[in-house]
Protein backbone atom coordinates (compact mmCIF):
# COMPACT_ATOMS: atom_id res chain seq x y z
CA UNK A 1 -31.88 -14.66 2.03
CA UNK A 2 -28.49 -16.06 0.97
CA UNK A 3 -28.93 -14.59 -2.52
CA UNK A 4 -29.64 -11.13 -1.08
CA UNK A 5 -26.52 -11.25 1.12
CA UNK A 6 -24.41 -12.45 -1.79
CA UNK A 7 -25.64 -9.67 -4.08
CA UNK A 8 -24.93 -6.99 -1.48
CA UNK A 9 -21.36 -8.23 -1.00
CA UNK A 10 -20.41 -7.74 -4.67
CA UNK A 11 -18.12 -4.78 -5.47
CA UNK A 12 -16.61 -2.11 -3.23
CA UNK A 13 -18.48 -0.17 -0.56
CA UNK A 14 -17.39 3.39 0.16
CA UNK A 15 -19.99 4.05 2.86
CA UNK A 16 -17.35 4.41 5.57
CA UNK A 17 -15.40 6.93 3.50
CA UNK A 18 -18.48 9.13 3.07
CA UNK A 19 -19.31 8.72 6.76
CA UNK A 20 -15.79 9.80 7.76
CA UNK A 21 -15.98 12.85 5.51
CA UNK A 22 -19.23 13.93 7.17
CA UNK A 23 -17.74 13.43 10.64
CA UNK A 24 -14.63 15.46 9.81
CA UNK A 25 -16.73 18.31 8.38
CA UNK A 26 -18.74 18.47 11.63
CA UNK A 27 -16.98 20.69 14.21
CA UNK A 28 -18.70 18.80 17.02
CA UNK A 29 -16.87 15.56 16.24
CA UNK A 30 -13.43 16.91 15.27
CA UNK A 31 -12.11 16.88 18.85
CA UNK A 32 -13.15 13.23 19.34
CA UNK A 33 -11.29 11.79 16.35
CA UNK A 34 -8.45 9.38 17.28
CA UNK A 35 -4.91 10.73 17.02
CA UNK A 36 -2.58 8.64 14.83
CA UNK A 37 0.19 6.90 16.77
CA UNK A 38 3.82 7.61 15.87
CA UNK A 39 6.64 5.13 16.40
CA UNK A 40 9.68 6.84 14.85
CA UNK A 41 11.93 3.77 14.90
CA UNK A 42 13.04 0.74 12.92
CA UNK A 43 13.26 -2.51 14.90
CA UNK A 44 13.72 -5.98 13.45
CA UNK A 45 14.52 -9.59 14.25
CA UNK A 46 15.18 -12.97 12.64
CA UNK A 47 15.54 -16.60 13.67
CA UNK A 48 18.67 -18.50 12.63
CA UNK A 49 20.10 -21.98 13.23
CA UNK A 50 21.46 -21.45 16.75
CA UNK A 51 19.17 -18.74 18.11
CA UNK A 52 17.59 -15.38 17.40
CA UNK A 53 18.87 -11.88 16.58
CA UNK A 54 16.96 -8.67 17.29
CA UNK A 55 18.11 -5.15 16.53
CA UNK A 56 17.17 -1.49 16.34
CA UNK A 57 18.39 1.89 15.19
CA UNK A 58 19.50 4.40 17.85
CA UNK A 59 17.71 7.65 16.94
CA UNK A 60 15.29 9.14 19.47
CA UNK A 61 12.99 11.94 18.28
CA UNK A 62 10.64 14.56 19.70
CA UNK A 63 8.40 15.35 16.76
CA UNK A 64 10.76 16.56 14.02
CA UNK A 65 13.68 17.10 16.42
CA UNK A 66 16.40 14.49 16.98
CA UNK A 67 16.52 14.24 20.78
CA UNK A 68 19.27 11.61 21.08
CA UNK A 69 21.57 9.93 18.59
CA UNK A 70 22.51 6.90 20.69
CA UNK A 71 19.30 5.77 22.37
CA UNK A 72 19.34 2.12 23.49
CA UNK A 73 16.16 0.46 22.21
CA UNK A 74 17.13 -3.10 23.16
CA UNK A 75 15.63 -3.95 26.56
CA UNK A 76 16.67 -6.70 28.97
CA UNK A 77 13.85 -8.96 30.20
CA UNK A 78 15.75 -12.02 31.47
CA UNK A 79 19.09 -13.66 30.71
CA UNK A 80 17.52 -15.56 27.81
CA UNK A 81 14.87 -13.05 26.63
CA UNK A 82 15.31 -9.53 25.23
CA UNK A 83 12.98 -7.05 23.54
CA UNK A 84 13.26 -4.18 21.06
CA UNK A 85 10.75 -1.36 21.37
CA UNK A 86 9.19 1.28 19.14
CA UNK A 87 6.80 3.98 20.30
CA UNK A 88 6.84 6.23 23.36
CA UNK A 89 10.13 5.89 25.27
CA UNK A 90 8.59 6.30 28.73
CA UNK A 91 5.92 3.69 28.01
CA UNK A 92 8.49 1.24 26.67
CA UNK A 93 10.75 1.60 29.69
CA UNK A 94 7.82 1.16 32.08
CA UNK A 95 6.43 -1.89 30.29
CA UNK A 96 9.78 -3.67 29.89
CA UNK A 97 10.75 -2.99 33.53
CA UNK A 98 7.40 -4.35 34.71
CA UNK A 99 7.74 -7.49 32.57
CA UNK A 100 11.35 -8.05 33.66
CA UNK A 101 10.39 -7.85 37.34
CA UNK A 102 7.49 -10.27 36.89
CA UNK A 103 9.68 -12.74 35.02
CA UNK A 104 12.29 -12.58 37.79
CA UNK A 105 9.62 -13.41 40.38
CA UNK A 106 8.48 -16.38 38.29
CA UNK A 107 12.07 -17.64 38.06
CA UNK A 108 12.53 -17.32 41.83
CA UNK A 109 9.26 -19.14 42.53
CA UNK A 110 9.81 -21.98 40.07
CA UNK A 111 13.60 -22.27 40.05
CA UNK A 112 13.53 -22.47 36.25
CA UNK A 113 14.24 -20.25 33.28
CA UNK A 114 11.00 -18.72 32.02
CA UNK A 115 9.76 -19.45 28.52
CA UNK A 116 9.52 -16.72 25.89
CA UNK A 117 5.77 -17.23 25.54
CA UNK A 118 5.41 -16.35 29.25
CA UNK A 119 6.95 -12.92 28.64
CA UNK A 120 4.77 -12.42 25.57
CA UNK A 121 1.62 -13.35 27.50
CA UNK A 122 2.38 -10.87 30.31
CA UNK A 123 2.97 -8.08 27.77
CA UNK A 124 -0.10 -8.79 25.64
CA UNK A 125 -2.47 -9.02 28.61
CA UNK A 126 -1.13 -5.74 30.03
CA UNK A 127 -1.35 -3.82 26.73
CA UNK A 128 -4.78 -5.21 25.84
CA UNK A 129 -6.23 -3.69 29.02
CA UNK A 130 -5.28 -0.20 27.84
CA UNK A 131 -6.59 -0.63 24.26
CA UNK A 132 -3.72 1.14 22.51
CA UNK A 133 -3.31 4.08 24.90
CA UNK A 134 0.15 2.79 25.88
CA UNK A 135 2.54 3.50 23.01
CA UNK A 136 4.59 0.30 23.16
CA UNK A 137 5.27 -1.82 20.08
CA UNK A 138 7.63 -4.69 20.87
CA UNK A 139 9.66 -7.39 19.21
CA UNK A 140 10.46 -10.09 21.77
CA UNK A 141 13.14 -12.68 21.09
CA UNK A 142 14.61 -15.43 23.19
CA UNK A 143 15.71 -19.03 23.51
CA UNK A 144 14.08 -21.55 25.86
CA UNK A 145 13.38 -25.29 26.08
CA UNK A 146 11.33 -25.12 22.87
CA UNK A 147 14.20 -23.47 20.96
CA UNK A 148 14.54 -19.96 19.47
CA UNK A 149 11.37 -17.84 19.50
CA UNK A 150 10.53 -14.50 17.91
CA UNK A 151 7.32 -12.55 18.53
CA UNK A 152 5.83 -9.23 17.48
CA UNK A 153 3.51 -7.45 19.94
CA UNK A 154 1.37 -4.44 18.97
CA UNK A 155 0.32 -1.68 21.36
CA UNK A 156 -3.18 -3.21 21.52
CA UNK A 157 -1.93 -6.62 22.61
CA UNK A 158 -1.99 -8.44 19.28
CA UNK A 159 0.85 -10.95 18.91
CA UNK A 160 2.43 -12.92 16.05
CA UNK A 161 5.07 -15.63 16.13
CA UNK A 162 7.23 -15.22 13.03
CA UNK A 163 10.57 -16.33 11.51
CA UNK A 164 11.44 -12.69 10.79
CA UNK A 165 9.74 -9.46 11.77
CA UNK A 166 10.12 -5.69 11.64
CA UNK A 167 8.21 -2.81 13.21
CA UNK A 168 8.28 0.95 13.63
CA UNK A 169 7.96 3.80 11.15
CA UNK A 170 10.74 2.38 8.96
CA UNK A 171 9.24 -1.11 8.83
CA UNK A 172 7.98 -0.95 5.23
CA UNK A 173 11.42 -0.45 3.72
CA UNK A 174 12.90 -2.96 6.15
CA UNK A 175 10.25 -5.58 5.39
CA UNK A 176 10.75 -5.19 1.63
CA UNK A 177 14.42 -6.11 2.12
CA UNK A 178 13.55 -8.99 4.47
CA UNK A 179 10.99 -10.54 2.14
CA UNK A 180 13.40 -10.39 -0.79
CA UNK A 181 16.44 -11.85 1.00
CA UNK A 182 15.22 -14.16 3.81
CA UNK A 183 16.39 -17.78 3.92
CA UNK A 184 15.73 -20.45 6.52
CA UNK A 185 19.35 -21.67 6.75
CA UNK A 186 21.04 -18.49 8.06
CA UNK A 187 24.17 -18.94 10.16
CA UNK A 188 25.17 -16.38 12.79
CA UNK A 189 27.20 -14.01 10.61
CA UNK A 190 24.72 -14.08 7.74
CA UNK A 191 21.81 -13.44 10.12
CA UNK A 192 23.62 -10.48 11.71
CA UNK A 193 24.25 -8.92 8.30
CA UNK A 194 20.64 -9.63 7.29
CA UNK A 195 19.16 -7.78 10.31
CA UNK A 196 21.68 -4.92 10.08
CA UNK A 197 20.94 -4.34 6.38
CA UNK A 198 17.19 -4.54 7.02
CA UNK A 199 17.40 -1.86 9.70
CA UNK A 200 19.68 0.22 7.45
CA UNK A 201 16.98 0.10 4.77
CA UNK A 202 14.53 1.54 7.31
CA UNK A 203 17.04 4.22 8.33
CA UNK A 204 17.58 5.32 4.72
CA UNK A 205 13.85 5.62 4.01
CA UNK A 206 12.49 7.02 7.29
CA UNK A 207 13.30 10.35 8.96
CA UNK A 208 12.33 8.96 12.38
CA UNK A 209 15.09 6.33 12.21
CA UNK A 210 18.81 6.95 12.06
CA UNK A 211 22.26 7.06 13.65
CA UNK A 212 23.62 3.57 14.45
CA UNK A 213 22.38 -0.02 14.54
CA UNK A 214 22.36 -2.12 17.73
CA UNK A 215 22.14 -5.91 17.51
CA UNK A 216 21.39 -8.43 20.25
CA UNK A 217 22.30 -12.10 19.64
CA UNK A 218 20.59 -14.71 21.84
CA UNK A 219 21.75 -18.33 21.64
CA UNK A 220 21.27 -21.51 23.67
């Protein structure tokens, strides 16, 4: 039995490609195919010695039209936690407002500053329930008792804790710059330049990103 399984696993299988071609050619199934999600943004963040920096471009689009040149994509959650969002503006505002209100209630009930992982858990559980139908991709950064924290949250509720991260439609160009230039010993000024240049790389290589760059510095 093991030998049969091993033999079948050798090489590439294009069965799914042929299946997808048949589905697309069938008029009955065309209307049920998932629509690709668009983010139209470059957001990024990095940890440094004293804290965390997150940032975003300021272009807001409606399809191929630039709707706003100075859209604020950095969202307040608590005094020590902020988030950058890519995706649908209305969804992002709703999600970040909901999370901010819940975190405020937790602070009032406990009398303590909430931890970054608490905000991430609230977001991921909320987004997972909707299985990607809410267009909110977030980078959450903050400083708590455990030190600086930086998380990436997808619209389906998947999370990663990372030393540097980028998301949105300009993330490939931004990530190529990050992976080539990241160091663990960044000070504040170097980290600010690092994030700004990473977002600028996304802006230069993505039509959905543009205008200016906003940075948010969170320290102890």
